[in-house]
Amino acid sequence: MIVSEHHLNTLPLHLMKEVVLQIDDSAYKKFLEFIQLCPSVELVSTSELVDSKDLLDKCFSATISELRQDKVFRTRGDYGYIMLALNENAVKGFFFYSPHDYISYLKELGFDQLPGLSTLYDTLNKVSGRYPDWEYLDHPDNKEKLRRNNIIIRFVSAFNRAKRKLSEGFSENQP
């Protein structure tokens, strides 16, 4: 939805930067009011599509595919760290009530060679605390702690990159 059409439409694109933001629903109205006060800012689009299930599924699928291609998953239990982080809002829009739900979701997206339930439960039992301040109860060395934490960092980064890329496609197709 284009909020305003002012002189910005005539500026060369190389003089403008495009920024993608996620704004909490409670701050959304105030943010729009603030943007209208800035004459050098144009709100190009807002999109409920950005959080649609279809888009989130595509982003999730692209992210898991990228992490697999980059060989980020060393063990099948590594998928469990992603489930835990998603349940703690590392990425909005996901919550899995059980490892069974999570595996079912991955299968629904077309993935195979997935961890079993016992593998995921074992992974969940290795972690205490809240992301990103997890404690690993199996006492891995520092290198392994870093690797496990980097799985989540890589996931969030790849997910946000996929979301930006797919969201741009939606905004280009908007009237």
N, C-alpha and C. Protein backbone atom coordinates (compact mmCIF):
# COMPACT_ATOMS: atom_id res chain seq x y z
N MET A 1 0.85 -1.16 0.00
CA MET A 1 0.00 0.00 0.00
C MET A 1 0.90 1.23 0.00
N ILE A 2 0.71 2.13 -0.93
CA ILE A 2 1.51 3.34 -0.95
C ILE A 2 0.80 4.37 -0.09
N VAL A 3 1.51 4.88 0.91
CA VAL A 3 0.91 5.81 1.85
C VAL A 3 0.89 7.22 1.29
N SER A 4 1.95 7.59 0.65
CA SER A 4 1.98 8.94 0.08
C SER A 4 2.80 8.94 -1.19
N GLU A 5 2.41 9.80 -2.08
CA GLU A 5 3.19 9.99 -3.29
C GLU A 5 3.62 11.44 -3.29
N HIS A 6 4.89 11.66 -2.99
CA HIS A 6 5.39 13.03 -3.01
C HIS A 6 6.64 13.08 -3.85
N HIS A 7 7.41 14.10 -3.73
CA HIS A 7 8.53 14.35 -4.62
C HIS A 7 9.56 13.23 -4.67
N LEU A 8 9.51 12.29 -3.77
CA LEU A 8 10.49 11.21 -3.75
C LEU A 8 10.42 10.34 -5.00
N ASN A 9 9.25 10.27 -5.58
CA ASN A 9 9.10 9.45 -6.78
C ASN A 9 9.94 9.98 -7.93
N THR A 10 10.37 11.22 -7.85
CA THR A 10 11.16 11.80 -8.93
C THR A 10 12.65 11.73 -8.65
N LEU A 11 13.06 11.32 -7.45
CA LEU A 11 14.48 11.20 -7.13
C LEU A 11 15.07 9.98 -7.81
N PRO A 12 16.30 10.08 -8.29
CA PRO A 12 16.96 8.90 -8.85
C PRO A 12 17.09 7.82 -7.77
N LEU A 13 16.91 6.57 -8.16
CA LEU A 13 16.95 5.48 -7.20
C LEU A 13 18.29 5.38 -6.49
N HIS A 14 19.38 5.79 -7.14
CA HIS A 14 20.68 5.67 -6.49
C HIS A 14 20.82 6.64 -5.31
N LEU A 15 19.91 7.58 -5.16
CA LEU A 15 19.94 8.50 -4.03
C LEU A 15 19.08 8.02 -2.87
N MET A 16 18.46 6.86 -3.05
CA MET A 16 17.58 6.35 -2.01
C MET A 16 18.04 4.96 -1.58
N LYS A 17 17.79 4.64 -0.33
CA LYS A 17 18.07 3.32 0.22
C LYS A 17 16.74 2.66 0.57
N GLU A 18 16.67 1.37 0.32
CA GLU A 18 15.47 0.63 0.71
C GLU A 18 15.79 -0.10 2.00
N VAL A 19 14.89 0.02 2.98
CA VAL A 19 15.08 -0.59 4.28
C VAL A 19 13.87 -1.46 4.58
N VAL A 20 14.12 -2.67 5.03
CA VAL A 20 13.05 -3.58 5.42
C VAL A 20 13.07 -3.66 6.94
N LEU A 21 11.93 -3.39 7.57
CA LEU A 21 11.83 -3.41 9.02
C LEU A 21 10.72 -4.35 9.46
N GLN A 22 10.88 -4.91 10.63
CA GLN A 22 9.79 -5.62 11.27
C GLN A 22 9.39 -4.79 12.48
N ILE A 23 8.11 -4.45 12.56
CA ILE A 23 7.64 -3.57 13.62
C ILE A 23 6.56 -4.29 14.41
N ASP A 24 6.70 -4.27 15.71
CA ASP A 24 5.70 -4.87 16.58
C ASP A 24 4.35 -4.21 16.33
N ASP A 25 3.30 -5.00 16.36
CA ASP A 25 1.95 -4.47 16.10
C ASP A 25 1.61 -3.27 16.98
N SER A 26 2.07 -3.29 18.21
CA SER A 26 1.73 -2.20 19.13
C SER A 26 2.39 -0.88 18.73
N ALA A 27 3.47 -0.93 17.96
CA ALA A 27 4.17 0.29 17.55
C ALA A 27 3.86 0.70 16.11
N TYR A 28 3.12 -0.10 15.40
CA TYR A 28 2.91 0.10 13.98
C TYR A 28 2.26 1.46 13.66
N LYS A 29 1.18 1.79 14.34
CA LYS A 29 0.46 3.04 14.04
C LYS A 29 1.36 4.25 14.30
N LYS A 30 2.07 4.24 15.43
CA LYS A 30 2.97 5.36 15.73
C LYS A 30 4.10 5.45 14.72
N PHE A 31 4.59 4.32 14.26
CA PHE A 31 5.64 4.32 13.26
C PHE A 31 5.15 4.98 11.96
N LEU A 32 3.94 4.62 11.52
CA LEU A 32 3.40 5.23 10.31
C LEU A 32 3.24 6.74 10.46
N GLU A 33 2.80 7.17 11.64
CA GLU A 33 2.68 8.61 11.90
C GLU A 33 4.04 9.28 11.83
N PHE A 34 5.05 8.64 12.38
CA PHE A 34 6.40 9.18 12.36
C PHE A 34 6.92 9.30 10.93
N ILE A 35 6.71 8.28 10.13
CA ILE A 35 7.19 8.28 8.74
C ILE A 35 6.56 9.43 7.96
N GLN A 36 5.32 9.72 8.23
CA GLN A 36 4.65 10.81 7.52
C GLN A 36 5.26 12.17 7.85
N LEU A 37 5.93 12.28 8.98
CA LEU A 37 6.59 13.53 9.37
C LEU A 37 7.94 13.73 8.70
N CYS A 38 8.44 12.72 8.06
CA CYS A 38 9.77 12.77 7.44
C CYS A 38 9.62 13.00 5.94
N PRO A 39 9.87 14.21 5.46
CA PRO A 39 9.64 14.49 4.04
C PRO A 39 10.59 13.74 3.10
N SER A 40 11.70 13.27 3.59
CA SER A 40 12.64 12.57 2.72
C SER A 40 12.50 11.05 2.80
N VAL A 41 11.39 10.58 3.39
CA VAL A 41 11.14 9.15 3.51
C VAL A 41 9.81 8.83 2.84
N GLU A 42 9.83 7.81 2.02
CA GLU A 42 8.60 7.37 1.37
C GLU A 42 8.35 5.92 1.78
N LEU A 43 7.17 5.66 2.26
CA LEU A 43 6.77 4.30 2.57
C LEU A 43 6.29 3.68 1.27
N VAL A 44 7.06 2.78 0.75
CA VAL A 44 6.75 2.18 -0.54
C VAL A 44 5.63 1.15 -0.40
N SER A 45 5.74 0.31 0.62
CA SER A 45 4.69 -0.68 0.81
C SER A 45 4.73 -1.23 2.22
N THR A 46 3.58 -1.69 2.66
CA THR A 46 3.50 -2.50 3.86
C THR A 46 2.83 -3.78 3.40
N SER A 47 3.11 -4.84 4.08
CA SER A 47 2.57 -6.08 3.58
C SER A 47 2.23 -7.03 4.69
N GLU A 48 0.99 -7.43 4.73
CA GLU A 48 0.58 -8.53 5.58
C GLU A 48 1.11 -9.82 4.97
N LEU A 49 1.40 -9.79 3.66
CA LEU A 49 1.92 -10.97 2.99
C LEU A 49 3.26 -11.40 3.55
N VAL A 50 4.01 -10.45 4.08
CA VAL A 50 5.32 -10.76 4.60
C VAL A 50 5.23 -11.80 5.70
N ASP A 51 4.14 -11.84 6.43
CA ASP A 51 3.99 -12.81 7.49
C ASP A 51 2.99 -13.91 7.17
N SER A 52 2.62 -14.03 5.90
CA SER A 52 1.66 -15.07 5.54
C SER A 52 2.31 -16.44 5.70
N LYS A 53 1.50 -17.43 5.98
CA LYS A 53 2.01 -18.79 6.17
C LYS A 53 2.75 -19.27 4.93
N ASP A 54 2.22 -18.97 3.76
CA ASP A 54 2.87 -19.40 2.53
C ASP A 54 4.28 -18.82 2.41
N LEU A 55 4.40 -17.55 2.70
CA LEU A 55 5.72 -16.91 2.61
C LEU A 55 6.66 -17.47 3.68
N LEU A 56 6.16 -17.63 4.90
CA LEU A 56 7.00 -18.19 5.97
C LEU A 56 7.45 -19.61 5.61
N ASP A 57 6.56 -20.39 5.03
CA ASP A 57 6.93 -21.75 4.62
C ASP A 57 8.02 -21.72 3.55
N LYS A 58 7.88 -20.83 2.57
CA LYS A 58 8.89 -20.73 1.52
C LYS A 58 10.23 -20.30 2.09
N CYS A 59 10.21 -19.35 3.02
CA CYS A 59 11.45 -18.89 3.64
C CYS A 59 12.09 -20.00 4.46
N PHE A 60 11.28 -20.72 5.22
CA PHE A 60 11.78 -21.81 6.03
C PHE A 60 12.41 -22.88 5.15
N SER A 61 11.72 -23.24 4.08
CA SER A 61 12.21 -24.25 3.15
C SER A 61 13.53 -23.82 2.51
N ALA A 62 13.58 -22.58 2.05
CA ALA A 62 14.82 -22.06 1.44
C ALA A 62 15.96 -22.06 2.45
N THR A 63 15.65 -21.74 3.70
CA THR A 63 16.67 -21.67 4.74
C THR A 63 17.23 -23.05 5.05
N ILE A 64 16.36 -24.03 5.25
CA ILE A 64 16.84 -25.39 5.53
C ILE A 64 17.64 -25.91 4.35
N SER A 65 17.19 -25.65 3.14
CA SER A 65 17.93 -26.08 1.95
C SER A 65 19.32 -25.46 1.90
N GLU A 66 19.39 -24.17 2.20
CA GLU A 66 20.69 -23.48 2.20
C GLU A 66 21.61 -24.07 3.27
N LEU A 67 21.09 -24.29 4.47
CA LEU A 67 21.93 -24.84 5.54
C LEU A 67 22.38 -26.26 5.20
N ARG A 68 21.53 -27.02 4.57
CA ARG A 68 21.94 -28.36 4.15
C ARG A 68 23.03 -28.28 3.09
N GLN A 69 22.84 -27.41 2.13
CA GLN A 69 23.83 -27.26 1.05
C GLN A 69 25.18 -26.82 1.62
N ASP A 70 25.15 -25.94 2.61
CA ASP A 70 26.38 -25.46 3.23
C ASP A 70 26.92 -26.42 4.29
N LYS A 71 26.26 -27.57 4.45
CA LYS A 71 26.67 -28.60 5.41
C LYS A 71 26.79 -28.07 6.85
N VAL A 72 25.81 -27.25 7.23
CA VAL A 72 25.76 -26.69 8.59
C VAL A 72 25.36 -27.78 9.59
N PHE A 73 24.50 -28.69 9.14
CA PHE A 73 24.04 -29.76 10.03
C PHE A 73 25.07 -30.88 10.06
N ARG A 74 25.77 -31.01 11.17
CA ARG A 74 26.73 -32.10 11.32
C ARG A 74 26.07 -33.35 11.86
N THR A 75 25.02 -33.15 12.67
CA THR A 75 24.26 -34.28 13.20
C THR A 75 22.79 -33.99 12.99
N ARG A 76 21.99 -35.00 13.01
CA ARG A 76 20.54 -34.78 12.86
C ARG A 76 19.97 -34.07 14.08
N GLY A 77 20.63 -34.19 15.21
CA GLY A 77 20.20 -33.49 16.41
C GLY A 77 20.28 -31.97 16.27
N ASP A 78 21.08 -31.50 15.32
CA ASP A 78 21.22 -30.05 15.11
C ASP A 78 19.89 -29.39 14.74
N TYR A 79 18.99 -30.16 14.14
CA TYR A 79 17.66 -29.62 13.82
C TYR A 79 16.91 -29.21 15.10
N GLY A 80 17.20 -29.89 16.18
CA GLY A 80 16.54 -29.60 17.45
C GLY A 80 16.86 -28.20 17.97
N TYR A 81 18.08 -27.73 17.74
CA TYR A 81 18.44 -26.39 18.19
C TYR A 81 17.60 -25.34 17.46
N ILE A 82 17.32 -25.60 16.19
CA ILE A 82 16.46 -24.68 15.44
C ILE A 82 15.06 -24.68 16.01
N MET A 83 14.52 -25.86 16.30
CA MET A 83 13.18 -25.94 16.88
C MET A 83 13.11 -25.16 18.18
N LEU A 84 14.10 -25.35 19.04
CA LEU A 84 14.12 -24.63 20.32
C LEU A 84 14.16 -23.12 20.12
N ALA A 85 15.04 -22.67 19.23
CA ALA A 85 15.18 -21.23 19.00
C ALA A 85 13.90 -20.64 18.40
N LEU A 86 13.26 -21.37 17.51
CA LEU A 86 12.00 -20.89 16.92
C LEU A 86 10.92 -20.78 17.99
N ASN A 87 10.89 -21.73 18.90
CA ASN A 87 9.90 -21.68 19.98
C ASN A 87 10.17 -20.55 20.95
N GLU A 88 11.36 -19.98 20.90
CA GLU A 88 11.72 -18.84 21.74
C GLU A 88 11.78 -17.55 20.93
N ASN A 89 11.10 -17.55 19.77
CA ASN A 89 10.94 -16.36 18.91
C ASN A 89 12.23 -15.86 18.28
N ALA A 90 13.17 -16.73 17.97
CA ALA A 90 14.35 -16.31 17.21
C ALA A 90 13.89 -15.79 15.85
N VAL A 91 12.81 -16.36 15.35
CA VAL A 91 12.11 -15.91 14.15
C VAL A 91 10.64 -15.94 14.48
N LYS A 92 9.93 -14.85 14.22
CA LYS A 92 8.50 -14.80 14.52
C LYS A 92 7.70 -15.66 13.56
N GLY A 93 6.61 -16.22 14.07
CA GLY A 93 5.68 -16.94 13.23
C GLY A 93 5.72 -18.44 13.37
N PHE A 94 6.59 -18.96 14.22
CA PHE A 94 6.72 -20.40 14.37
C PHE A 94 6.62 -20.80 15.83
N PHE A 95 5.95 -21.90 16.06
CA PHE A 95 5.96 -22.55 17.37
C PHE A 95 5.57 -24.00 17.15
N PHE A 96 6.35 -24.90 17.71
CA PHE A 96 6.09 -26.32 17.57
C PHE A 96 5.83 -26.89 18.95
N TYR A 97 4.68 -27.52 19.12
CA TYR A 97 4.30 -28.06 20.42
C TYR A 97 5.12 -29.28 20.81
N SER A 98 5.65 -29.96 19.82
CA SER A 98 6.41 -31.17 20.11
C SER A 98 7.37 -31.45 18.96
N PRO A 99 8.38 -32.28 19.20
CA PRO A 99 9.24 -32.70 18.10
C PRO A 99 8.46 -33.37 16.97
N HIS A 100 7.38 -34.07 17.32
CA HIS A 100 6.55 -34.69 16.28
C HIS A 100 5.98 -33.62 15.34
N ASP A 101 5.47 -32.52 15.90
CA ASP A 101 4.94 -31.42 15.08
C ASP A 101 6.02 -30.84 14.17
N TYR A 102 7.21 -30.69 14.72
CA TYR A 102 8.33 -30.12 13.98
C TYR A 102 8.73 -31.03 12.81
N ILE A 103 8.87 -32.33 13.08
CA ILE A 103 9.22 -33.28 12.03
C ILE A 103 8.12 -33.31 10.97
N SER A 104 6.87 -33.28 11.39
CA SER A 104 5.75 -33.27 10.44
C SER A 104 5.82 -32.04 9.55
N TYR A 105 6.16 -30.89 10.13
CA TYR A 105 6.29 -29.66 9.35
C TYR A 105 7.41 -29.79 8.32
N LEU A 106 8.55 -30.31 8.73
CA LEU A 106 9.67 -30.48 7.80
C LEU A 106 9.29 -31.45 6.67
N LYS A 107 8.57 -32.50 7.00
CA LYS A 107 8.11 -33.46 5.97
C LYS A 107 7.11 -32.79 5.03
N GLU A 108 6.22 -31.96 5.60
CA GLU A 108 5.23 -31.23 4.79
C GLU A 108 5.93 -30.33 3.77
N LEU A 109 7.09 -29.80 4.15
CA LEU A 109 7.86 -28.95 3.24
C LEU A 109 8.67 -29.76 2.23
N GLY A 110 8.64 -31.08 2.37
CA GLY A 110 9.31 -31.94 1.39
C GLY A 110 10.69 -32.43 1.79
N PHE A 111 11.07 -32.25 3.03
CA PHE A 111 12.41 -32.68 3.46
C PHE A 111 12.40 -34.14 3.89
N ASP A 112 13.49 -34.80 3.61
CA ASP A 112 13.68 -36.17 4.07
C ASP A 112 15.00 -36.22 4.85
N GLN A 113 15.42 -37.41 5.23
CA GLN A 113 16.63 -37.59 6.03
C GLN A 113 16.60 -36.69 7.26
N LEU A 114 15.51 -36.82 8.00
CA LEU A 114 15.27 -35.99 9.18
C LEU A 114 15.59 -36.76 10.45
N PRO A 115 15.77 -36.04 11.55
CA PRO A 115 16.02 -36.73 12.82
C PRO A 115 14.76 -37.46 13.29
N GLY A 116 14.98 -38.48 14.10
CA GLY A 116 13.86 -39.17 14.72
C GLY A 116 13.42 -38.44 15.97
N LEU A 117 12.31 -38.86 16.50
CA LEU A 117 11.79 -38.23 17.72
C LEU A 117 12.77 -38.32 18.88
N SER A 118 13.37 -39.48 19.08
CA SER A 118 14.29 -39.64 20.21
C SER A 118 15.52 -38.73 20.05
N THR A 119 15.98 -38.54 18.82
CA THR A 119 17.12 -37.64 18.58
C THR A 119 16.76 -36.21 18.97
N LEU A 120 15.56 -35.78 18.57
CA LEU A 120 15.14 -34.41 18.92
C LEU A 120 14.94 -34.26 20.43
N TYR A 121 14.31 -35.24 21.05
CA TYR A 121 14.13 -35.16 22.50
C TYR A 121 15.48 -35.12 23.21
N ASP A 122 16.45 -35.90 22.73
CA ASP A 122 17.79 -35.87 23.32
C ASP A 122 18.40 -34.47 23.21
N THR A 123 18.24 -33.86 22.04
CA THR A 123 18.77 -32.50 21.84
C THR A 123 18.08 -31.51 22.77
N LEU A 124 16.76 -31.59 22.87
CA LEU A 124 16.02 -30.67 23.73
C LEU A 124 16.46 -30.82 25.19
N ASN A 125 16.79 -32.03 25.59
CA ASN A 125 17.21 -32.28 26.97
C ASN A 125 18.64 -31.83 27.26
N LYS A 126 19.39 -31.47 26.22
CA LYS A 126 20.77 -31.01 26.40
C LYS A 126 20.84 -29.51 26.69
N VAL A 127 19.71 -28.82 26.55
CA VAL A 127 19.71 -27.36 26.60
C VAL A 127 18.87 -26.86 27.77
N SER A 128 19.41 -25.87 28.47
CA SER A 128 18.59 -25.19 29.48
C SER A 128 18.78 -23.69 29.30
N GLY A 129 17.86 -22.93 29.85
CA GLY A 129 17.91 -21.48 29.70
C GLY A 129 17.15 -21.04 28.47
N ARG A 130 17.31 -19.76 28.14
CA ARG A 130 16.63 -19.17 26.99
C ARG A 130 17.65 -18.73 25.96
N TYR A 131 17.28 -18.92 24.70
CA TYR A 131 18.14 -18.47 23.61
C TYR A 131 18.24 -16.95 23.67
N PRO A 132 19.38 -16.35 23.50
CA PRO A 132 20.67 -16.89 23.06
C PRO A 132 21.61 -17.29 24.21
N ASP A 133 21.11 -17.32 25.42
CA ASP A 133 21.95 -17.61 26.59
C ASP A 133 21.80 -19.06 27.03
N TRP A 134 21.77 -19.97 26.08
CA TRP A 134 21.60 -21.37 26.40
C TRP A 134 22.80 -21.91 27.18
N GLU A 135 22.52 -22.85 28.05
CA GLU A 135 23.55 -23.67 28.69
C GLU A 135 23.37 -25.07 28.15
N TYR A 136 24.47 -25.69 27.80
CA TYR A 136 24.43 -27.05 27.28
C TYR A 136 24.77 -28.01 28.41
N LEU A 137 23.82 -28.86 28.74
CA LEU A 137 23.96 -29.75 29.89
C LEU A 137 24.91 -30.92 29.64
N ASP A 138 25.27 -31.15 28.37
CA ASP A 138 26.22 -32.22 28.06
C ASP A 138 27.67 -31.72 28.08
N HIS A 139 27.86 -30.46 28.46
CA HIS A 139 29.18 -29.83 28.65
C HIS A 139 30.12 -29.98 27.46
N PRO A 140 29.70 -29.50 26.29
CA PRO A 140 30.60 -29.57 25.14
C PRO A 140 31.75 -28.58 25.30
N ASP A 141 32.83 -28.79 24.54
CA ASP A 141 33.93 -27.83 24.59
C ASP A 141 33.49 -26.52 23.92
N ASN A 142 34.29 -25.49 24.04
CA ASN A 142 33.93 -24.16 23.53
C ASN A 142 33.69 -24.16 22.02
N LYS A 143 34.47 -24.94 21.30
CA LYS A 143 34.31 -25.02 19.85
C LYS A 143 32.93 -25.57 19.49
N GLU A 144 32.49 -26.60 20.20
CA GLU A 144 31.18 -27.20 19.94
C GLU A 144 30.06 -26.26 20.36
N LYS A 145 30.22 -25.54 21.47
CA LYS A 145 29.20 -24.55 21.87
C LYS A 145 29.03 -23.51 20.78
N LEU A 146 30.15 -23.02 20.28
CA LEU A 146 30.12 -22.01 19.22
C LEU A 146 29.44 -22.56 17.97
N ARG A 147 29.75 -23.80 17.61
CA ARG A 147 29.13 -24.41 16.43
C ARG A 147 27.61 -24.49 16.59
N ARG A 148 27.16 -24.92 17.76
CA ARG A 148 25.72 -25.03 18.01
C ARG A 148 25.04 -23.67 17.96
N ASN A 149 25.65 -22.68 18.57
CA ASN A 149 25.08 -21.32 18.53
C ASN A 149 25.07 -20.77 17.11
N ASN A 150 26.11 -21.11 16.34
CA ASN A 150 26.18 -20.61 14.96
C ASN A 150 25.11 -21.23 14.06
N ILE A 151 24.62 -22.40 14.42
CA ILE A 151 23.51 -22.99 13.66
C ILE A 151 22.33 -22.02 13.68
N ILE A 152 22.03 -21.49 14.84
CA ILE A 152 20.90 -20.57 14.98
C ILE A 152 21.19 -19.24 14.29
N ILE A 153 22.39 -18.74 14.48
CA ILE A 153 22.76 -17.48 13.82
C ILE A 153 22.65 -17.62 12.31
N ARG A 154 23.15 -18.71 11.77
CA ARG A 154 23.06 -18.95 10.33
C ARG A 154 21.61 -19.11 9.89
N PHE A 155 20.80 -19.82 10.70
CA PHE A 155 19.40 -20.01 10.36
C PHE A 155 18.68 -18.66 10.28
N VAL A 156 18.82 -17.84 11.32
CA VAL A 156 18.12 -16.55 11.37
C VAL A 156 18.58 -15.67 10.21
N SER A 157 19.87 -15.63 9.96
CA SER A 157 20.39 -14.81 8.86
C SER A 157 19.86 -15.28 7.51
N ALA A 158 19.91 -16.58 7.26
CA ALA A 158 19.41 -17.12 5.99
C ALA A 158 17.90 -16.92 5.86
N PHE A 159 17.17 -17.09 6.97
CA PHE A 159 15.73 -16.89 6.94
C PHE A 159 15.39 -15.44 6.59
N ASN A 160 16.05 -14.50 7.25
CA ASN A 160 15.77 -13.08 6.97
C ASN A 160 16.16 -12.70 5.55
N ARG A 161 17.24 -13.28 5.04
CA ARG A 161 17.65 -13.03 3.66
C ARG A 161 16.59 -13.56 2.70
N ALA A 162 16.10 -14.77 2.95
CA ALA A 162 15.05 -15.35 2.10
C ALA A 162 13.78 -14.53 2.18
N LYS A 163 13.45 -14.06 3.37
CA LYS A 163 12.24 -13.26 3.56
C LYS A 163 12.33 -11.94 2.80
N ARG A 164 13.50 -11.30 2.87
CA ARG A 164 13.69 -10.05 2.11
C ARG A 164 13.54 -10.30 0.62
N LYS A 165 14.20 -11.34 0.16
CA LYS A 165 14.17 -11.65 -1.28
C LYS A 165 12.74 -11.95 -1.75
N LEU A 166 12.03 -12.78 -1.01
CA LEU A 166 10.66 -13.13 -1.40
C LEU A 166 9.71 -11.95 -1.19
N SER A 167 9.93 -11.15 -0.16
CA SER A 167 9.08 -9.98 0.09
C SER A 167 9.22 -8.96 -1.01
N GLU A 168 10.44 -8.80 -1.52
CA GLU A 168 10.65 -7.87 -2.62
C GLU A 168 9.85 -8.31 -3.82
N GLY A 169 9.78 -9.60 -4.06
CA GLY A 169 8.96 -10.12 -5.16
C GLY A 169 7.50 -9.79 -4.95
N PHE A 170 7.01 -9.88 -3.70
CA PHE A 170 5.62 -9.52 -3.41
C PHE A 170 5.40 -8.04 -3.63
N SER A 171 6.32 -7.19 -3.15
CA SER A 171 6.10 -5.75 -3.27
C SER A 171 6.19 -5.29 -4.71
N GLU A 172 6.98 -5.96 -5.55
CA GLU A 172 7.06 -5.62 -6.97
C GLU A 172 5.77 -5.96 -7.68
N ASN A 173 5.06 -6.97 -7.17
CA ASN A 173 3.82 -7.40 -7.80
C ASN A 173 2.59 -6.69 -7.24
N GLN A 174 2.77 -5.84 -6.26
CA GLN A 174 1.64 -5.11 -5.67
C GLN A 174 1.18 -4.02 -6.64
N PRO A 175 -0.11 -3.71 -6.67
CA PRO A 175 -0.60 -2.65 -7.56
C PRO A 175 -0.14 -1.29 -7.08
